[in-house]
Protein backbone atom coordinates (compact mmCIF):
# COMPACT_ATOMS: atom_id res chain seq x y z
CA UNK A 1 -6.22 -0.83 20.60
CA UNK A 2 -3.33 0.85 22.38
CA UNK A 3 0.08 0.77 20.75
CA UNK A 4 1.65 -1.14 23.64
CA UNK A 5 -1.03 -3.84 23.21
CA UNK A 6 0.51 -4.77 19.85
CA UNK A 7 3.04 -7.57 20.28
CA UNK A 8 6.53 -6.27 19.54
CA UNK A 9 5.68 -2.59 20.12
CA UNK A 10 6.95 -0.34 22.93
CA UNK A 11 5.57 3.21 22.88
CA UNK A 12 6.36 6.23 25.05
CA UNK A 13 3.94 9.10 24.59
CA UNK A 14 4.66 12.73 25.51
CA UNK A 15 1.29 14.49 25.66
CA UNK A 16 2.88 17.91 26.21
CA UNK A 17 4.92 17.64 23.02
CA UNK A 18 2.14 15.83 21.15
CA UNK A 19 4.46 13.07 19.99
CA UNK A 20 5.32 9.45 20.63
CA UNK A 21 8.52 7.46 20.42
CA UNK A 22 7.81 3.93 19.28
CA UNK A 23 10.27 1.04 19.20
CA UNK A 24 9.61 -2.20 17.35
CA UNK A 25 11.38 -5.49 17.95
CA UNK A 26 9.93 -6.98 14.75
CA UNK A 27 8.20 -5.90 11.56
CA UNK A 28 4.65 -4.71 12.25
CA UNK A 29 1.84 -4.39 9.70
CA UNK A 30 1.66 -0.63 9.05
CA UNK A 31 -2.15 -0.79 8.72
CA UNK A 32 -2.48 -2.33 12.22
CA UNK A 33 -0.17 0.34 13.61
CA UNK A 34 -2.11 3.22 12.01
CA UNK A 35 -5.46 1.76 13.12
CA UNK A 36 -4.18 1.64 16.72
CA UNK A 37 -3.16 5.31 16.52
CA UNK A 38 -6.43 6.43 14.99
CA UNK A 39 -8.40 4.31 17.47
CA UNK A 40 -6.71 6.27 20.27
CA UNK A 41 -7.73 9.55 18.64
CA UNK A 42 -4.22 10.25 17.32
CA UNK A 43 -3.03 11.19 13.86
CA UNK A 44 -0.38 9.24 11.98
CA UNK A 45 2.20 11.64 10.51
CA UNK A 46 5.34 9.72 9.58
CA UNK A 47 7.73 6.91 10.34
CA UNK A 48 11.46 7.51 10.57
CA UNK A 49 14.19 4.94 11.02
CA UNK A 50 16.91 6.16 13.35
């Protein structure tokens, strides 16, 4: 499942920098979020609140 397929998630991925900026408009189950990343072949590193 792609990140943008999760309701309430907007993700912008920069493949050159190997990072993504993700905005949430509601609380998302962290497990669902991590499963979406891993399903896309990506590694979950951290979440920061800016």
